[in-house]
Amino acid sequence: MKKIFYLISAILLVMMTNQCTGYKPIFQSANLNFEIADYSLSGEKILANKIYSKLNNLSNSKKNTGDRRNINLLIDVKKDKNATAKSSSGKILEYKIVLNIKVDVNDFLTNSSILNKGYSSSLNYKIQDKFSDTLKLENQSIDNLLNTIYQELLIDLSQNILTK
């Protein structure tokens, strides 16, 4: 009885695994074929440079493919950090970080707009016992917000570059 159960389980497992072989993501960055001809960063330049470097790495990974589209890129980043919770003695217990990023992508040759959109994302984090732990948590929160916005930007960029 156990042998039949294991045999049926193995066959089902193989069938389920075989069903996933043709998977392709809907919005993939493999179709993005662009080169950043010119760029401008404003606001929080360190955070804007992180977004730019991710986009630049993506464009450099597709260097050997033909028919690349040259783009101008403008990234403006604003970061707000506000206290959201205080104790009865007035000590801050929690912060909220809000990142507002405005991205303007234009075609280098025709100067026509490909993407002009603002992205906003926020995250709360609690104060830790050690100041260094609080700074580490703040930096992790900012990195998570940047990654979230970068993923949204890639989706919008892939839709707009391919259609315009």
N, C-alpha and C. Protein backbone atom coordinates (compact mmCIF):
# COMPACT_ATOMS: atom_id res chain seq x y z
N MET A 1 0.82 -1.19 0.00
CA MET A 1 0.00 0.00 0.00
C MET A 1 0.87 1.26 0.00
N LYS A 2 1.99 1.21 0.81
CA LYS A 2 2.88 2.36 0.85
C LYS A 2 3.54 2.60 -0.49
N LYS A 3 3.91 1.53 -1.19
CA LYS A 3 4.57 1.67 -2.49
C LYS A 3 3.65 2.33 -3.50
N ILE A 4 2.38 1.99 -3.48
CA ILE A 4 1.41 2.59 -4.41
C ILE A 4 1.23 4.07 -4.08
N PHE A 5 1.17 4.39 -2.80
CA PHE A 5 1.02 5.79 -2.38
C PHE A 5 2.23 6.62 -2.83
N TYR A 6 3.45 6.10 -2.61
CA TYR A 6 4.65 6.82 -3.02
C TYR A 6 4.74 6.94 -4.54
N LEU A 7 4.31 5.94 -5.26
CA LEU A 7 4.32 5.97 -6.71
C LEU A 7 3.35 7.02 -7.24
N ILE A 8 2.15 7.06 -6.69
CA ILE A 8 1.15 8.05 -7.11
C ILE A 8 1.63 9.46 -6.74
N SER A 9 2.22 9.61 -5.55
CA SER A 9 2.74 10.92 -5.13
C SER A 9 3.85 11.39 -6.06
N ALA A 10 4.75 10.49 -6.44
CA ALA A 10 5.85 10.86 -7.33
C ALA A 10 5.32 11.25 -8.70
N ILE A 11 4.34 10.53 -9.21
CA ILE A 11 3.76 10.87 -10.53
C ILE A 11 3.07 12.23 -10.48
N LEU A 12 2.33 12.51 -9.42
CA LEU A 12 1.67 13.81 -9.28
C LEU A 12 2.69 14.94 -9.17
N LEU A 13 3.76 14.71 -8.44
CA LEU A 13 4.79 15.72 -8.30
C LEU A 13 5.45 16.03 -9.64
N VAL A 14 5.74 15.02 -10.42
CA VAL A 14 6.34 15.21 -11.74
C VAL A 14 5.37 15.96 -12.66
N MET A 15 4.10 15.63 -12.59
CA MET A 15 3.11 16.31 -13.43
C MET A 15 2.97 17.78 -13.04
N MET A 16 2.97 18.08 -11.76
CA MET A 16 2.86 19.47 -11.31
C MET A 16 4.09 20.27 -11.70
N THR A 17 5.25 19.69 -11.58
CA THR A 17 6.48 20.37 -11.94
C THR A 17 6.54 20.61 -13.45
N ASN A 18 6.06 19.69 -14.22
CA ASN A 18 6.07 19.81 -15.67
C ASN A 18 5.11 20.89 -16.16
N GLN A 19 4.10 21.23 -15.40
CA GLN A 19 3.13 22.25 -15.80
C GLN A 19 3.74 23.65 -15.83
N CYS A 20 4.81 23.89 -15.08
CA CYS A 20 5.40 25.22 -14.93
C CYS A 20 6.53 25.50 -15.92
N THR A 21 6.79 24.65 -16.88
CA THR A 21 7.96 24.81 -17.73
C THR A 21 7.85 25.98 -18.70
N GLY A 22 6.68 26.39 -19.09
CA GLY A 22 6.53 27.47 -20.05
C GLY A 22 6.27 28.82 -19.41
N TYR A 23 6.61 29.00 -18.16
CA TYR A 23 6.33 30.25 -17.45
C TYR A 23 7.19 31.38 -17.99
N LYS A 24 6.55 32.50 -18.28
CA LYS A 24 7.25 33.73 -18.65
C LYS A 24 6.56 34.88 -17.94
N PRO A 25 7.31 35.76 -17.28
CA PRO A 25 6.68 36.89 -16.60
C PRO A 25 6.06 37.85 -17.60
N ILE A 26 4.98 38.48 -17.19
CA ILE A 26 4.27 39.40 -18.08
C ILE A 26 5.12 40.63 -18.34
N PHE A 27 5.59 41.27 -17.28
CA PHE A 27 6.42 42.46 -17.42
C PHE A 27 7.85 42.08 -17.09
N GLN A 28 8.63 41.85 -18.11
CA GLN A 28 10.02 41.48 -17.88
C GLN A 28 10.93 42.56 -18.43
N SER A 29 12.07 42.70 -17.82
CA SER A 29 13.01 43.73 -18.25
C SER A 29 13.84 43.27 -19.44
N ALA A 30 13.65 42.04 -19.91
CA ALA A 30 14.41 41.54 -21.05
C ALA A 30 14.04 42.29 -22.33
N ASN A 31 12.83 42.82 -22.41
CA ASN A 31 12.39 43.54 -23.61
C ASN A 31 12.84 45.00 -23.60
N LEU A 32 13.32 45.48 -22.47
CA LEU A 32 13.78 46.87 -22.40
C LEU A 32 15.13 46.98 -23.08
N ASN A 33 15.16 47.74 -24.15
CA ASN A 33 16.39 47.91 -24.91
C ASN A 33 16.64 49.40 -25.05
N PHE A 34 17.32 49.98 -24.06
CA PHE A 34 17.55 51.42 -24.07
C PHE A 34 18.97 51.71 -23.60
N GLU A 35 19.39 52.93 -23.91
CA GLU A 35 20.68 53.42 -23.45
C GLU A 35 20.48 54.82 -22.92
N ILE A 36 21.03 55.10 -21.76
CA ILE A 36 20.89 56.43 -21.16
C ILE A 36 21.94 57.34 -21.79
N ALA A 37 21.48 58.26 -22.64
CA ALA A 37 22.40 59.17 -23.32
C ALA A 37 22.77 60.34 -22.41
N ASP A 38 21.81 60.84 -21.63
CA ASP A 38 22.05 61.97 -20.74
C ASP A 38 21.15 61.80 -19.53
N TYR A 39 21.63 62.23 -18.38
CA TYR A 39 20.82 62.13 -17.17
C TYR A 39 21.06 63.33 -16.27
N SER A 40 20.07 63.58 -15.42
CA SER A 40 20.16 64.67 -14.45
C SER A 40 19.52 64.19 -13.15
N LEU A 41 20.20 64.46 -12.03
CA LEU A 41 19.72 64.06 -10.72
C LEU A 41 19.50 65.31 -9.88
N SER A 42 18.40 65.34 -9.14
CA SER A 42 18.15 66.48 -8.26
C SER A 42 17.48 66.01 -6.97
N GLY A 43 17.44 66.90 -5.99
CA GLY A 43 16.87 66.55 -4.70
C GLY A 43 17.89 65.78 -3.88
N GLU A 44 17.47 64.68 -3.31
CA GLU A 44 18.37 63.79 -2.56
C GLU A 44 19.22 63.03 -3.58
N LYS A 45 20.40 63.57 -3.89
CA LYS A 45 21.21 63.02 -4.98
C LYS A 45 21.74 61.62 -4.71
N ILE A 46 21.97 61.28 -3.46
CA ILE A 46 22.47 59.94 -3.15
C ILE A 46 21.40 58.90 -3.47
N LEU A 47 20.16 59.19 -3.10
CA LEU A 47 19.06 58.27 -3.39
C LEU A 47 18.75 58.24 -4.89
N ALA A 48 18.81 59.41 -5.54
CA ALA A 48 18.59 59.47 -6.98
C ALA A 48 19.66 58.69 -7.72
N ASN A 49 20.89 58.74 -7.22
CA ASN A 49 21.99 58.00 -7.85
C ASN A 49 21.79 56.49 -7.73
N LYS A 50 21.16 56.04 -6.65
CA LYS A 50 20.89 54.60 -6.52
C LYS A 50 19.90 54.13 -7.58
N ILE A 51 18.87 54.92 -7.84
CA ILE A 51 17.90 54.58 -8.89
C ILE A 51 18.59 54.62 -10.26
N TYR A 52 19.38 55.69 -10.49
CA TYR A 52 20.08 55.81 -11.77
C TYR A 52 21.03 54.64 -12.00
N SER A 53 21.78 54.25 -10.97
CA SER A 53 22.75 53.17 -11.16
C SER A 53 22.06 51.85 -11.48
N LYS A 54 20.89 51.61 -10.90
CA LYS A 54 20.14 50.39 -11.24
C LYS A 54 19.69 50.43 -12.69
N LEU A 55 19.19 51.59 -13.14
CA LEU A 55 18.77 51.71 -14.54
C LEU A 55 19.97 51.63 -15.49
N ASN A 56 21.08 52.22 -15.08
CA ASN A 56 22.28 52.18 -15.92
C ASN A 56 22.82 50.75 -16.03
N ASN A 57 22.80 50.01 -14.93
CA ASN A 57 23.22 48.60 -14.98
C ASN A 57 22.32 47.79 -15.89
N LEU A 58 21.02 48.07 -15.86
CA LEU A 58 20.09 47.37 -16.74
C LEU A 58 20.36 47.70 -18.20
N SER A 59 20.63 48.96 -18.49
CA SER A 59 20.90 49.33 -19.89
C SER A 59 22.25 48.79 -20.36
N ASN A 60 23.22 48.73 -19.46
CA ASN A 60 24.54 48.18 -19.84
C ASN A 60 24.51 46.68 -20.05
N SER A 61 23.57 46.00 -19.41
CA SER A 61 23.48 44.55 -19.59
C SER A 61 22.97 44.18 -20.97
N LYS A 62 22.35 45.11 -21.66
CA LYS A 62 21.80 44.86 -23.00
C LYS A 62 22.63 45.55 -24.09
N LYS A 63 23.90 45.81 -23.83
CA LYS A 63 24.73 46.57 -24.77
C LYS A 63 24.92 45.90 -26.11
N ASN A 64 24.97 44.60 -26.15
CA ASN A 64 25.28 43.89 -27.40
C ASN A 64 24.07 43.69 -28.29
N THR A 65 22.89 44.02 -27.82
CA THR A 65 21.70 43.87 -28.66
C THR A 65 21.55 45.10 -29.55
N GLY A 66 20.99 44.90 -30.73
CA GLY A 66 20.85 46.00 -31.67
C GLY A 66 19.60 46.81 -31.43
N ASP A 67 19.48 47.93 -32.13
CA ASP A 67 18.31 48.81 -32.11
C ASP A 67 18.01 49.30 -30.70
N ARG A 68 19.00 49.90 -30.08
CA ARG A 68 18.82 50.45 -28.74
C ARG A 68 18.26 51.86 -28.85
N ARG A 69 17.39 52.19 -27.94
CA ARG A 69 16.75 53.51 -27.93
C ARG A 69 17.48 54.40 -26.93
N ASN A 70 17.93 55.57 -27.39
CA ASN A 70 18.64 56.52 -26.53
C ASN A 70 17.62 57.38 -25.80
N ILE A 71 17.84 57.54 -24.49
CA ILE A 71 16.89 58.32 -23.69
C ILE A 71 17.62 59.35 -22.84
N ASN A 72 16.90 60.42 -22.50
CA ASN A 72 17.31 61.38 -21.49
C ASN A 72 16.55 61.05 -20.23
N LEU A 73 17.20 61.12 -19.08
CA LEU A 73 16.60 60.71 -17.82
C LEU A 73 16.76 61.83 -16.80
N LEU A 74 15.66 62.19 -16.15
CA LEU A 74 15.66 63.16 -15.06
C LEU A 74 15.02 62.49 -13.86
N ILE A 75 15.76 62.45 -12.75
CA ILE A 75 15.26 61.84 -11.51
C ILE A 75 15.33 62.89 -10.41
N ASP A 76 14.18 63.15 -9.77
CA ASP A 76 14.09 64.09 -8.66
C ASP A 76 13.55 63.34 -7.44
N VAL A 77 14.32 63.30 -6.37
CA VAL A 77 13.95 62.53 -5.17
C VAL A 77 13.79 63.48 -3.99
N LYS A 78 12.68 63.32 -3.29
CA LYS A 78 12.44 64.06 -2.06
C LYS A 78 12.15 63.05 -0.96
N LYS A 79 12.81 63.23 0.19
CA LYS A 79 12.63 62.33 1.34
C LYS A 79 12.11 63.14 2.51
N ASP A 80 11.03 62.64 3.11
CA ASP A 80 10.48 63.26 4.31
C ASP A 80 10.52 62.24 5.44
N LYS A 81 10.96 62.70 6.61
CA LYS A 81 11.00 61.83 7.79
C LYS A 81 10.27 62.56 8.91
N ASN A 82 9.16 61.96 9.35
CA ASN A 82 8.33 62.59 10.38
C ASN A 82 8.10 61.63 11.52
N ALA A 83 8.00 62.18 12.72
CA ALA A 83 7.66 61.38 13.89
C ALA A 83 6.17 61.08 13.87
N THR A 84 5.81 59.81 14.06
CA THR A 84 4.39 59.42 14.04
C THR A 84 3.87 59.03 15.40
N ALA A 85 4.75 58.64 16.31
CA ALA A 85 4.30 58.24 17.65
C ALA A 85 5.29 58.76 18.68
N LYS A 86 4.73 59.33 19.75
CA LYS A 86 5.55 59.83 20.85
C LYS A 86 5.03 59.26 22.16
N SER A 87 5.93 59.11 23.10
CA SER A 87 5.53 58.64 24.43
C SER A 87 4.92 59.82 25.20
N SER A 88 4.41 59.54 26.39
CA SER A 88 3.80 60.60 27.20
C SER A 88 4.82 61.64 27.64
N SER A 89 6.10 61.26 27.68
CA SER A 89 7.15 62.21 28.05
C SER A 89 7.67 62.99 26.85
N GLY A 90 7.17 62.70 25.66
CA GLY A 90 7.59 63.42 24.47
C GLY A 90 8.70 62.75 23.69
N LYS A 91 9.11 61.56 24.11
CA LYS A 91 10.16 60.84 23.40
C LYS A 91 9.56 60.18 22.15
N ILE A 92 10.26 60.31 21.03
CA ILE A 92 9.77 59.75 19.76
C ILE A 92 9.93 58.24 19.79
N LEU A 93 8.84 57.54 19.42
CA LEU A 93 8.84 56.08 19.40
C LEU A 93 8.85 55.50 17.99
N GLU A 94 8.35 56.27 17.01
CA GLU A 94 8.21 55.73 15.66
C GLU A 94 8.34 56.87 14.64
N TYR A 95 8.99 56.56 13.54
CA TYR A 95 9.13 57.50 12.42
C TYR A 95 8.42 56.96 11.18
N LYS A 96 8.07 57.88 10.31
CA LYS A 96 7.52 57.53 9.01
C LYS A 96 8.40 58.19 7.95
N ILE A 97 8.88 57.37 7.02
CA ILE A 97 9.69 57.88 5.92
C ILE A 97 8.84 57.85 4.66
N VAL A 98 8.81 58.96 3.94
CA VAL A 98 8.08 59.07 2.68
C VAL A 98 9.07 59.45 1.60
N LEU A 99 9.12 58.64 0.54
CA LEU A 99 9.95 58.96 -0.62
C LEU A 99 9.05 59.38 -1.77
N ASN A 100 9.30 60.55 -2.32
CA ASN A 100 8.60 61.03 -3.51
C ASN A 100 9.63 61.13 -4.62
N ILE A 101 9.42 60.38 -5.68
CA ILE A 101 10.37 60.36 -6.80
C ILE A 101 9.62 60.74 -8.07
N LYS A 102 10.15 61.73 -8.76
CA LYS A 102 9.59 62.14 -10.05
C LYS A 102 10.59 61.74 -11.12
N VAL A 103 10.11 60.97 -12.09
CA VAL A 103 10.97 60.47 -13.17
C VAL A 103 10.45 61.02 -14.49
N ASP A 104 11.35 61.61 -15.25
CA ASP A 104 11.01 62.14 -16.57
C ASP A 104 11.95 61.50 -17.58
N VAL A 105 11.38 60.71 -18.51
CA VAL A 105 12.17 60.03 -19.52
C VAL A 105 11.75 60.58 -20.89
N ASN A 106 12.71 61.08 -21.66
CA ASN A 106 12.46 61.62 -23.00
C ASN A 106 13.33 60.91 -24.01
N ASP A 107 12.83 60.83 -25.24
CA ASP A 107 13.62 60.28 -26.33
C ASP A 107 14.74 61.27 -26.65
N PHE A 108 15.96 60.77 -26.80
CA PHE A 108 17.12 61.63 -27.01
C PHE A 108 17.06 62.35 -28.36
N LEU A 109 16.60 61.68 -29.40
CA LEU A 109 16.60 62.26 -30.74
C LEU A 109 15.44 63.22 -30.96
N THR A 110 14.25 62.81 -30.58
CA THR A 110 13.06 63.62 -30.87
C THR A 110 12.61 64.46 -29.69
N ASN A 111 13.17 64.23 -28.51
CA ASN A 111 12.80 64.91 -27.28
C ASN A 111 11.33 64.73 -26.91
N SER A 112 10.70 63.70 -27.46
CA SER A 112 9.31 63.40 -27.10
C SER A 112 9.29 62.65 -25.77
N SER A 113 8.25 62.88 -25.00
CA SER A 113 8.14 62.30 -23.67
C SER A 113 7.78 60.82 -23.76
N ILE A 114 8.54 59.98 -23.09
CA ILE A 114 8.26 58.56 -22.99
C ILE A 114 7.55 58.26 -21.68
N LEU A 115 8.04 58.87 -20.61
CA LEU A 115 7.45 58.65 -19.29
C LEU A 115 7.66 59.91 -18.45
N ASN A 116 6.61 60.38 -17.84
CA ASN A 116 6.67 61.51 -16.93
C ASN A 116 5.73 61.19 -15.78
N LYS A 117 6.29 60.65 -14.72
CA LYS A 117 5.43 60.15 -13.65
C LYS A 117 6.09 60.35 -12.30
N GLY A 118 5.26 60.52 -11.29
CA GLY A 118 5.72 60.62 -9.92
C GLY A 118 5.38 59.36 -9.16
N TYR A 119 6.28 58.94 -8.30
CA TYR A 119 6.08 57.74 -7.48
C TYR A 119 6.23 58.15 -6.02
N SER A 120 5.38 57.58 -5.20
CA SER A 120 5.44 57.86 -3.77
C SER A 120 5.27 56.56 -3.00
N SER A 121 6.08 56.42 -1.97
CA SER A 121 6.00 55.23 -1.13
C SER A 121 6.42 55.62 0.28
N SER A 122 5.80 54.98 1.27
CA SER A 122 6.12 55.32 2.65
C SER A 122 6.21 54.06 3.50
N LEU A 123 6.91 54.20 4.63
CA LEU A 123 7.13 53.07 5.52
C LEU A 123 7.36 53.61 6.93
N ASN A 124 6.81 52.91 7.91
CA ASN A 124 7.03 53.26 9.31
C ASN A 124 8.07 52.33 9.91
N TYR A 125 8.86 52.87 10.83
CA TYR A 125 9.80 52.02 11.58
C TYR A 125 9.89 52.55 13.00
N LYS A 126 10.14 51.63 13.91
CA LYS A 126 10.20 51.96 15.33
C LYS A 126 11.63 52.25 15.76
N ILE A 127 11.76 53.09 16.75
CA ILE A 127 13.05 53.42 17.32
C ILE A 127 13.57 52.21 18.10
N GLN A 128 14.84 51.90 17.93
CA GLN A 128 15.48 50.78 18.62
C GLN A 128 16.22 51.28 19.86
N ASP A 129 16.68 50.36 20.68
CA ASP A 129 17.40 50.73 21.90
C ASP A 129 18.73 51.41 21.59
N LYS A 130 19.43 50.91 20.60
CA LYS A 130 20.71 51.50 20.20
C LYS A 130 20.49 52.40 18.99
N PHE A 131 21.20 53.53 18.98
CA PHE A 131 21.07 54.47 17.88
C PHE A 131 21.55 53.86 16.57
N SER A 132 22.61 53.05 16.64
CA SER A 132 23.13 52.43 15.41
C SER A 132 22.11 51.45 14.82
N ASP A 133 21.35 50.76 15.69
CA ASP A 133 20.30 49.87 15.19
C ASP A 133 19.18 50.66 14.53
N THR A 134 18.88 51.83 15.08
CA THR A 134 17.85 52.69 14.49
C THR A 134 18.29 53.18 13.11
N LEU A 135 19.57 53.58 13.00
CA LEU A 135 20.08 54.02 11.69
C LEU A 135 20.08 52.89 10.68
N LYS A 136 20.44 51.69 11.13
CA LYS A 136 20.44 50.54 10.24
C LYS A 136 19.02 50.25 9.76
N LEU A 137 18.05 50.33 10.65
CA LEU A 137 16.65 50.09 10.29
C LEU A 137 16.14 51.18 9.34
N GLU A 138 16.56 52.41 9.56
CA GLU A 138 16.17 53.50 8.65
C GLU A 138 16.74 53.27 7.26
N ASN A 139 18.00 52.88 7.17
CA ASN A 139 18.62 52.63 5.87
C ASN A 139 17.98 51.44 5.16
N GLN A 140 17.62 50.41 5.91
CA GLN A 140 16.93 49.26 5.31
C GLN A 140 15.55 49.68 4.79
N SER A 141 14.87 50.54 5.54
CA SER A 141 13.56 51.02 5.12
C SER A 141 13.67 51.83 3.83
N ILE A 142 14.69 52.67 3.75
CA ILE A 142 14.90 53.48 2.54
C ILE A 142 15.22 52.57 1.36
N ASP A 143 16.06 51.56 1.56
CA ASP A 143 16.39 50.62 0.48
C ASP A 143 15.15 49.86 0.01
N ASN A 144 14.30 49.45 0.95
CA ASN A 144 13.06 48.76 0.58
C ASN A 144 12.14 49.68 -0.23
N LEU A 145 12.04 50.94 0.17
CA LEU A 145 11.21 51.89 -0.57
C LEU A 145 11.77 52.12 -1.98
N LEU A 146 13.10 52.25 -2.08
CA LEU A 146 13.73 52.45 -3.39
C LEU A 146 13.49 51.24 -4.29
N ASN A 147 13.59 50.04 -3.75
CA ASN A 147 13.36 48.84 -4.56
C ASN A 147 11.91 48.75 -5.02
N THR A 148 10.98 49.11 -4.15
CA THR A 148 9.57 49.10 -4.53
C THR A 148 9.30 50.09 -5.67
N ILE A 149 9.83 51.29 -5.53
CA ILE A 149 9.62 52.30 -6.57
C ILE A 149 10.34 51.91 -7.85
N TYR A 150 11.53 51.32 -7.75
CA TYR A 150 12.26 50.87 -8.93
C TYR A 150 11.48 49.82 -9.70
N GLN A 151 10.85 48.90 -9.00
CA GLN A 151 10.04 47.87 -9.66
C GLN A 151 8.84 48.49 -10.37
N GLU A 152 8.18 49.46 -9.72
CA GLU A 152 7.06 50.16 -10.38
C GLU A 152 7.56 50.92 -11.60
N LEU A 153 8.72 51.55 -11.48
CA LEU A 153 9.31 52.29 -12.60
C LEU A 153 9.62 51.37 -13.77
N LEU A 154 10.15 50.19 -13.50
CA LEU A 154 10.45 49.24 -14.57
C LEU A 154 9.19 48.80 -15.31
N ILE A 155 8.12 48.58 -14.57
CA ILE A 155 6.86 48.18 -15.21
C ILE A 155 6.37 49.30 -16.13
N ASP A 156 6.35 50.53 -15.63
CA ASP A 156 5.90 51.65 -16.45
C ASP A 156 6.84 51.90 -17.63
N LEU A 157 8.13 51.78 -17.39
CA LEU A 157 9.09 52.00 -18.46
C LEU A 157 8.98 50.94 -19.54
N SER A 158 8.78 49.69 -19.15
CA SER A 158 8.64 48.62 -20.16
C SER A 158 7.38 48.82 -20.98
N GLN A 159 6.30 49.27 -20.36
CA GLN A 159 5.07 49.52 -21.12
C GLN A 159 5.24 50.68 -22.08
N ASN A 160 5.89 51.75 -21.63
CA ASN A 160 5.98 52.97 -22.44
C ASN A 160 7.06 52.91 -23.52
N ILE A 161 8.17 52.28 -23.25
CA ILE A 161 9.24 52.20 -24.26
C ILE A 161 8.79 51.33 -25.43
N LEU A 162 8.10 50.26 -25.12
CA LEU A 162 7.67 49.35 -26.18
C LEU A 162 6.52 49.92 -27.01
N THR A 163 5.70 50.79 -26.44
CA THR A 163 4.54 51.31 -27.16
C THR A 163 4.80 52.65 -27.83
N LYS A 164 5.77 53.42 -27.37
CA LYS A 164 6.01 54.75 -27.95
C LYS A 164 7.25 54.77 -28.80
